Amino acid sequence: MEKDDLVLIKPYCREKNKAGRLRAILAKSLEGYTFDTIATVEEFEEYDLTNKRILFAVSLGESGINLEWYAILKKIRKSGLCFQGSIGGILVDGNSELYTKSFARELVLSANLAGCTFVGRPLVEGTRSLQNFNIAAKNLETDNMGAYMESGHELVKRVMTFDYLKKDHPKILMLHAGNKRISNSLLLWEKVKGHLKGCDIKEISLLNGTVVDCIGCPYGQCLHFGENNTCFYGGIISDQVYPAILEADTLLLVCPNYNDAVSANIAAFINRLTALFMTHKFYEKALFGIIVSGYSGGDIVAQQLISSLNMNKTFYLPAGFVLMETANNPGTVLDIPGIEERAAAFANHILINKTLKE
């Protein structure tokens, strides 16, 4: 197979009567493309999945569980960089109103750490009722099933046409809400930043001024403010963050793990980004993260960034998008064995995946 050939990873579903809708969606989504199909863990082990275009298509049934997928997931997590150089998207079909999104973001994190880049908005999900397609169906002037099919076809097209935009002097926007005196996360960022040569780096602290969370303005009101690159609440988000995002090639969030979640100000930023998103899409902007946990749970925070900014707000997810470490007392992140080497490797990863023009 050539570099840009498509591979369909469609784990075998034992509940065949519940996999019919996914077959219909795939028939439309893959129309016009040739592809190989991987259905079992044995086929997965034998296949070279580097430098491919990959569509993960998983039928979950009512339970949210596909047993064959978990055998494949185990191989992914133990395989190193089995997806190195590959570009991916995901189609998840469920027979419940639950589990499709949580399943997908776990899949994305595991495959991303194994070398797979994911396009912006890489997930097309079908819940049992398909009510999640109400707005798309209205916009496309079709029914919900038609919107589902069209969304799948559009996703495959984006996976097949995705390419990196290299820049001579990439612009990196780093956002944080930490205290520089005691933050392990910011100490780790400083290590990484020291290796980011040839970049224009802008840092904004969300502690500098009041960051008010989104109140859910009516659509028309939010759109009105978004058309003017601002938000109802104004402040640092409108005055500093919005312009910096529009200028940046890469968004990097420095996120300490607060109770297995991003901090309040980071969450408020993500929510407030909706107004700008109304009139600007971010498919060509990369997302990276640095996460330090006091105990455990860095993967949970990473999945929050994936679902909110990659799946929702369309930032693309370069392979290995996140550096996760565990450190408790202030300053102890610097005592982790090999931290200097991992910080340098992560910085180089940022440069390779987004930045320096070849």
Protein backbone atom coordinates (compact mmCIF):
# COMPACT_ATOMS: atom_id res chain seq x y z
CA MET A 1 0.00 0.00 0.00
CA GLU A 2 1.05 3.58 -0.62
CA LYS A 3 1.48 6.16 2.10
CA ASP A 4 -1.93 7.76 1.64
CA ASP A 5 -3.97 4.58 1.36
CA LEU A 6 -6.92 4.16 3.70
CA VAL A 7 -7.19 1.48 6.37
CA LEU A 8 -10.49 0.72 8.11
CA ILE A 9 -10.09 -0.59 11.65
CA LYS A 10 -13.53 -2.06 12.32
CA PRO A 11 -13.42 -4.45 15.27
CA TYR A 12 -15.63 -7.49 14.92
CA CYS A 13 -18.97 -7.06 16.72
CA ARG A 14 -20.58 -10.23 18.07
CA GLU A 15 -24.01 -8.55 18.14
CA LYS A 16 -24.40 -8.56 14.37
CA ASN A 17 -28.00 -7.37 14.49
CA LYS A 18 -26.78 -4.15 16.17
CA ALA A 19 -24.01 -3.48 13.66
CA GLY A 20 -26.28 -2.92 10.66
CA ARG A 21 -26.47 0.86 11.04
CA LEU A 22 -22.70 1.18 11.13
CA ARG A 23 -22.46 -0.84 7.89
CA ALA A 24 -24.87 1.58 6.24
CA ILE A 25 -22.95 4.60 7.46
CA LEU A 26 -19.65 3.16 6.25
CA ALA A 27 -21.09 2.34 2.82
CA LYS A 28 -21.79 6.06 2.37
CA SER A 29 -18.71 7.35 4.20
CA LEU A 30 -16.24 5.23 2.19
CA GLU A 31 -17.92 5.71 -1.17
CA GLY A 32 -15.25 6.26 -3.83
CA TYR A 33 -12.35 5.04 -1.69
CA THR A 34 -10.43 1.78 -1.73
CA PHE A 35 -9.36 0.44 1.64
CA ASP A 36 -8.18 -2.55 3.64
CA THR A 37 -10.17 -3.71 6.65
CA ILE A 38 -8.85 -4.89 10.02
CA ALA A 39 -11.49 -6.71 12.07
CA THR A 40 -9.55 -8.81 14.60
CA VAL A 41 -6.62 -8.40 16.93
CA GLU A 42 -4.72 -11.02 14.91
CA GLU A 43 -5.13 -8.94 11.73
CA PHE A 44 -4.09 -5.84 13.67
CA GLU A 45 -0.87 -7.50 14.82
CA GLU A 46 0.10 -8.51 11.28
CA TYR A 47 -0.58 -5.16 9.59
CA ASP A 48 1.88 -2.29 9.14
CA LEU A 49 -0.12 0.74 10.30
CA THR A 50 2.59 3.37 9.96
CA ASN A 51 2.13 6.21 7.44
CA LYS A 52 -1.50 5.38 6.70
CA ARG A 53 -4.82 7.17 6.64
CA ILE A 54 -6.94 5.37 9.23
CA LEU A 55 -10.65 5.32 10.01
CA PHE A 56 -11.55 3.67 13.32
CA ALA A 57 -15.16 2.46 13.05
CA VAL A 58 -16.59 0.80 16.14
CA SER A 59 -20.03 -0.58 16.92
CA LEU A 60 -20.72 -0.39 20.66
CA GLY A 61 -24.23 -1.77 20.95
CA GLU A 62 -26.15 -0.91 24.09
CA SER A 63 -23.41 -1.63 26.62
CA GLY A 64 -20.79 0.70 25.18
CA ILE A 65 -18.40 -2.26 24.96
CA ASN A 66 -16.87 -3.95 21.94
CA LEU A 67 -14.82 -6.90 23.17
CA GLU A 68 -12.64 -7.21 20.08
CA TRP A 69 -11.72 -3.54 20.35
CA TYR A 70 -10.33 -4.02 23.85
CA ALA A 71 -8.03 -6.76 22.60
CA ILE A 72 -6.81 -4.32 19.93
CA LEU A 73 -6.51 -1.50 22.47
CA LYS A 74 -4.22 -3.66 24.60
CA LYS A 75 -1.93 -4.13 21.59
CA ILE A 76 -1.96 -0.40 20.84
CA ARG A 77 -0.93 0.52 24.37
CA LYS A 78 1.92 -2.00 24.38
CA SER A 79 3.14 -1.50 20.81
CA GLY A 80 5.12 1.73 21.03
CA LEU A 81 4.60 3.85 17.92
CA CYS A 82 2.50 1.46 15.84
CA PHE A 83 0.68 4.39 14.17
CA GLN A 84 3.71 6.59 13.54
CA GLY A 85 3.09 8.95 10.63
CA SER A 86 -0.58 8.04 10.32
CA ILE A 87 -3.62 10.34 10.21
CA GLY A 88 -6.87 9.26 11.84
CA GLY A 89 -10.58 9.80 12.32
CA ILE A 90 -13.24 7.91 14.28
CA LEU A 91 -16.79 6.76 13.63
CA VAL A 92 -18.58 5.33 16.68
CA ASP A 93 -22.09 3.89 16.56
CA GLY A 94 -24.00 3.04 19.72
CA ASN A 95 -27.36 1.62 20.72
CA SER A 96 -27.58 3.91 23.75
CA GLU A 97 -27.51 7.63 24.46
CA LEU A 98 -24.33 7.06 26.47
CA TYR A 99 -20.71 5.98 26.06
CA THR A 100 -19.90 7.04 22.48
CA LYS A 101 -17.94 10.16 23.45
CA SER A 102 -16.14 8.64 26.45
CA PHE A 103 -15.20 5.62 24.34
CA ALA A 104 -13.91 7.83 21.53
CA ARG A 105 -11.72 10.09 23.62
CA GLU A 106 -10.06 7.10 25.28
CA LEU A 107 -9.42 5.64 21.84
CA VAL A 108 -7.96 8.90 20.57
CA LEU A 109 -5.59 9.32 23.52
CA SER A 110 -4.25 5.76 23.20
CA ALA A 111 -3.81 5.93 19.43
CA ASN A 112 -2.32 9.42 19.67
CA LEU A 113 0.32 8.28 22.15
CA ALA A 114 1.07 5.46 19.69
CA GLY A 115 1.85 7.98 16.94
CA CYS A 116 -1.49 8.80 15.28
CA THR A 117 -2.37 12.39 14.40
CA PHE A 118 -6.08 13.17 14.49
CA VAL A 119 -7.74 15.76 12.30
CA GLY A 120 -9.78 18.52 13.88
CA ARG A 121 -13.24 17.26 14.85
CA PRO A 122 -12.21 13.65 14.22
CA LEU A 123 -15.30 12.05 15.74
CA VAL A 124 -18.61 11.22 14.09
CA GLU A 125 -20.83 9.51 16.67
CA GLY A 126 -24.28 8.03 16.36
CA THR A 127 -26.29 7.64 19.56
CA ARG A 128 -29.35 5.39 19.59
CA SER A 129 -31.83 8.20 18.90
CA LEU A 130 -29.50 10.20 16.62
CA GLN A 131 -30.76 13.32 18.36
CA ASN A 132 -27.17 14.54 18.37
CA PHE A 133 -27.71 15.20 14.63
CA ASN A 134 -30.75 17.48 15.06
CA ILE A 135 -28.89 20.68 14.20
CA ALA A 136 -26.77 19.10 11.43
CA ALA A 137 -29.91 17.66 9.82
CA LYS A 138 -31.56 21.08 9.85
CA ASN A 139 -28.49 22.75 8.33
CA LEU A 140 -28.18 20.06 5.63
CA GLU A 141 -31.95 20.01 4.97
CA THR A 142 -32.17 16.27 5.50
CA ASP A 143 -33.19 13.82 8.23
CA ASN A 144 -30.90 12.76 11.06
CA MET A 145 -29.79 9.55 9.36
CA GLY A 146 -28.91 11.53 6.25
CA ALA A 147 -26.89 13.99 8.34
CA TYR A 148 -25.11 11.06 10.00
CA MET A 149 -24.14 9.62 6.62
CA GLU A 150 -23.02 12.97 5.25
CA SER A 151 -20.94 13.67 8.36
CA GLY A 152 -19.17 10.33 7.99
CA HIS A 153 -18.37 10.97 4.34
CA GLU A 154 -17.07 14.47 5.13
CA LEU A 155 -14.86 13.06 7.91
CA VAL A 156 -13.24 10.51 5.60
CA LYS A 157 -12.57 13.28 3.08
CA ARG A 158 -10.82 15.37 5.74
CA VAL A 159 -8.73 12.42 6.88
CA MET A 160 -7.65 11.71 3.31
CA THR A 161 -6.79 15.32 2.46
CA PHE A 162 -5.16 16.43 5.75
CA ASP A 163 -1.64 17.81 5.51
CA TYR A 164 0.63 19.74 7.85
CA LEU A 165 1.18 23.44 7.29
CA LYS A 166 4.86 24.01 7.98
CA LYS A 167 6.06 27.44 9.10
CA ASP A 168 9.51 29.03 9.16
CA HIS A 169 8.78 30.75 12.49
CA PRO A 170 5.75 29.10 14.05
CA LYS A 171 3.70 31.03 16.56
CA ILE A 172 2.98 29.17 19.77
CA LEU A 173 0.41 30.41 22.28
CA MET A 174 0.85 29.01 25.79
CA LEU A 175 -2.05 29.45 28.21
CA HIS A 176 -1.89 28.68 31.92
CA ALA A 177 -3.54 29.60 35.20
CA GLY A 178 -0.77 28.66 37.61
CA ASN A 179 1.38 30.28 40.26
CA LYS A 180 4.94 30.40 38.96
CA ARG A 181 6.42 30.15 42.45
CA ILE A 182 4.95 26.73 43.21
CA SER A 183 3.67 25.24 39.96
CA ASN A 184 5.32 21.99 38.83
CA SER A 185 3.45 22.33 35.55
CA LEU A 186 5.04 25.70 34.81
CA LEU A 187 8.47 24.43 35.83
CA LEU A 188 8.06 21.64 33.29
CA TRP A 189 6.94 24.14 30.65
CA GLU A 190 10.10 26.16 31.24
CA LYS A 191 12.13 23.02 30.57
CA VAL A 192 10.25 22.42 27.33
CA LYS A 193 10.41 26.07 26.25
CA GLY A 194 14.18 26.07 26.57
CA HIS A 195 14.31 23.64 23.64
CA LEU A 196 11.81 25.43 21.39
CA LYS A 197 14.20 27.24 19.08
CA GLY A 198 13.07 29.29 16.09
CA CYS A 199 9.55 29.87 17.45
CA ASP A 200 7.58 32.95 18.40
CA ILE A 201 6.16 32.11 21.83
CA LYS A 202 3.44 34.12 23.54
CA GLU A 203 2.47 33.29 27.12
CA ILE A 204 -0.79 34.42 28.71
CA SER A 205 -1.69 33.83 32.34
CA LEU A 206 -5.39 33.47 32.99
CA LEU A 207 -4.73 34.58 36.56
CA ASN A 208 -4.06 38.09 35.27
CA GLY A 209 -7.56 39.48 35.61
CA THR A 210 -10.98 38.02 36.31
CA VAL A 211 -11.97 35.13 34.08
CA VAL A 212 -15.75 34.78 34.13
CA ASP A 213 -17.22 31.51 32.90
CA CYS A 214 -19.67 31.26 30.02
CA ILE A 215 -23.35 31.82 30.90
CA GLY A 216 -24.71 30.22 27.73
CA CYS A 217 -25.86 33.26 25.79
CA PRO A 218 -28.57 32.65 23.17
CA TYR A 219 -27.14 31.55 19.82
CA GLY A 220 -27.81 34.85 18.06
CA GLN A 221 -26.21 36.89 20.83
CA CYS A 222 -23.12 34.66 20.96
CA LEU A 223 -22.82 34.84 17.17
CA HIS A 224 -23.07 38.64 17.26
CA PHE A 225 -20.17 38.93 19.67
CA GLY A 226 -18.18 36.26 17.81
CA GLU A 227 -18.49 38.20 14.56
CA ASN A 228 -16.67 41.01 16.34
CA ASN A 229 -14.04 38.65 17.84
CA THR A 230 -15.28 39.31 21.34
CA CYS A 231 -17.60 37.87 23.98
CA PHE A 232 -20.39 39.17 26.19
CA TYR A 233 -18.08 39.28 29.21
CA GLY A 234 -15.08 40.86 27.48
CA GLY A 235 -12.02 41.00 29.74
CA ILE A 236 -8.78 39.11 29.23
CA ILE A 237 -10.43 36.40 27.12
CA SER A 238 -11.68 38.89 24.53
CA ASP A 239 -8.88 41.42 24.80
CA GLN A 240 -5.84 39.12 24.85
CA VAL A 241 -6.69 35.47 24.32
CA TYR A 242 -8.92 35.71 21.25
CA PRO A 243 -6.42 37.77 19.19
CA ALA A 244 -3.56 35.51 20.27
CA ILE A 245 -5.45 32.37 19.21
CA LEU A 246 -6.21 33.84 15.80
CA GLU A 247 -2.51 34.61 15.29
CA ALA A 248 -1.15 31.34 16.66
CA ASP A 249 -0.25 28.20 14.72
CA THR A 250 -0.20 26.12 17.90
CA LEU A 251 -2.13 26.25 21.17
CA LEU A 252 -0.35 24.72 24.17
CA LEU A 253 -2.19 24.42 27.47
CA VAL A 254 -0.25 23.97 30.70
CA CYS A 255 -2.64 22.12 32.99
CA PRO A 256 -2.05 20.94 36.53
CA ASN A 257 -4.43 18.15 37.44
CA TYR A 258 -7.04 19.61 39.81
CA ASN A 259 -9.28 16.83 41.11
CA ASP A 260 -8.95 14.93 37.84
CA ALA A 261 -9.97 17.99 35.84
CA VAL A 262 -8.51 21.11 34.30
CA SER A 263 -8.48 24.15 36.56
CA ALA A 264 -11.49 26.47 36.74
CA ASN A 265 -9.90 29.24 34.67
CA ILE A 266 -8.80 26.83 31.94
CA ALA A 267 -12.33 25.38 31.86
CA ALA A 268 -13.77 28.90 31.64
CA PHE A 269 -11.44 29.70 28.73
CA ILE A 270 -12.59 26.58 26.86
CA ASN A 271 -16.24 27.47 27.43
CA ARG A 272 -15.72 31.09 26.41
CA LEU A 273 -13.96 30.02 23.21
CA THR A 274 -17.39 29.20 21.78
CA ALA A 275 -18.03 32.80 20.76
CA LEU A 276 -14.86 32.95 18.65
CA PHE A 277 -15.57 29.47 17.30
CA MET A 278 -18.88 30.74 15.95
CA THR A 279 -17.04 32.56 13.18
CA HIS A 280 -13.59 30.91 13.11
CA LYS A 281 -12.66 27.25 12.77
CA PHE A 282 -9.28 25.95 13.93
CA TYR A 283 -8.64 22.92 11.70
CA GLU A 284 -5.16 24.21 10.80
CA LYS A 285 -4.08 24.94 14.39
CA ALA A 286 -2.31 22.29 16.49
CA LEU A 287 -3.12 21.43 20.09
CA PHE A 288 -0.54 20.38 22.67
CA GLY A 289 -0.72 19.95 26.43
CA ILE A 290 1.53 19.66 29.47
CA ILE A 291 -0.14 17.97 32.44
CA VAL A 292 1.32 17.36 35.88
CA SER A 293 -0.64 15.33 38.43
CA GLY A 294 0.04 15.16 42.14
CA TYR A 295 -1.02 11.54 42.32
CA SER A 296 -2.59 10.08 39.15
CA GLY A 297 -5.21 10.83 36.50
CA GLY A 298 -3.21 12.76 33.92
CA ASP A 299 -4.90 10.70 31.21
CA ILE A 300 -8.32 11.94 32.38
CA VAL A 301 -7.24 15.57 31.99
CA ALA A 302 -5.71 14.79 28.59
CA GLN A 303 -9.03 13.33 27.50
CA GLN A 304 -10.76 16.55 28.57
CA LEU A 305 -8.51 18.52 26.23
CA ILE A 306 -9.21 16.03 23.44
CA SER A 307 -12.99 16.14 23.75
CA SER A 308 -13.28 19.91 24.26
CA LEU A 309 -10.68 21.30 21.89
CA ASN A 310 -9.97 18.57 19.32
CA MET A 311 -13.39 16.93 19.00
CA ASN A 312 -15.43 20.05 19.65
CA LYS A 313 -13.41 23.12 18.73
CA THR A 314 -11.58 21.55 15.72
CA PHE A 315 -7.90 21.96 16.73
CA TYR A 316 -5.98 19.08 15.19
CA LEU A 317 -4.14 16.70 17.48
CA PRO A 318 -0.52 15.99 16.51
CA ALA A 319 0.85 12.59 17.43
CA GLY A 320 2.01 12.51 21.05
CA PHE A 321 0.21 15.77 21.77
CA VAL A 322 0.66 15.65 25.54
CA LEU A 323 3.49 15.42 28.07
CA MET A 324 2.19 13.90 31.31
CA GLU A 325 4.19 13.64 34.54
CA THR A 326 3.51 12.99 38.22
CA ALA A 327 4.94 15.29 40.90
CA ASN A 328 3.49 16.35 44.22
CA ASN A 329 5.50 18.84 46.27
CA PRO A 330 6.56 22.11 44.60
CA GLY A 331 9.69 21.71 42.49
CA THR A 332 9.77 17.93 42.57
CA VAL A 333 8.96 17.64 38.87
CA LEU A 334 12.60 18.55 38.27
CA ASP A 335 13.74 15.54 40.27
CA ILE A 336 12.00 12.98 38.05
CA PRO A 337 14.62 10.75 36.43
CA GLY A 338 15.00 11.55 32.72
CA ILE A 339 12.82 14.66 32.85
CA GLU A 340 15.31 16.81 30.94
CA GLU A 341 15.44 14.29 28.11
CA ARG A 342 11.64 13.96 27.97
CA ALA A 343 11.18 17.74 27.95
CA ALA A 344 13.65 18.06 25.08
CA ALA A 345 11.97 15.22 23.18
CA PHE A 346 8.55 16.83 23.63
CA ALA A 347 9.82 20.18 22.37
CA ASN A 348 11.34 18.50 19.35
CA HIS A 349 8.04 16.74 18.83
CA ILE A 350 6.24 20.09 18.70
CA LEU A 351 8.70 21.35 16.10
CA ILE A 352 8.46 18.24 13.94
CA ASN A 353 4.67 18.01 14.00
CA LYS A 354 3.70 21.58 13.33
CA THR A 355 6.43 23.92 12.78
CA LEU A 356 9.67 24.18 10.92
CA LYS A 357 9.23 24.47 7.19
CA GLU A 358 10.95 21.66 5.33
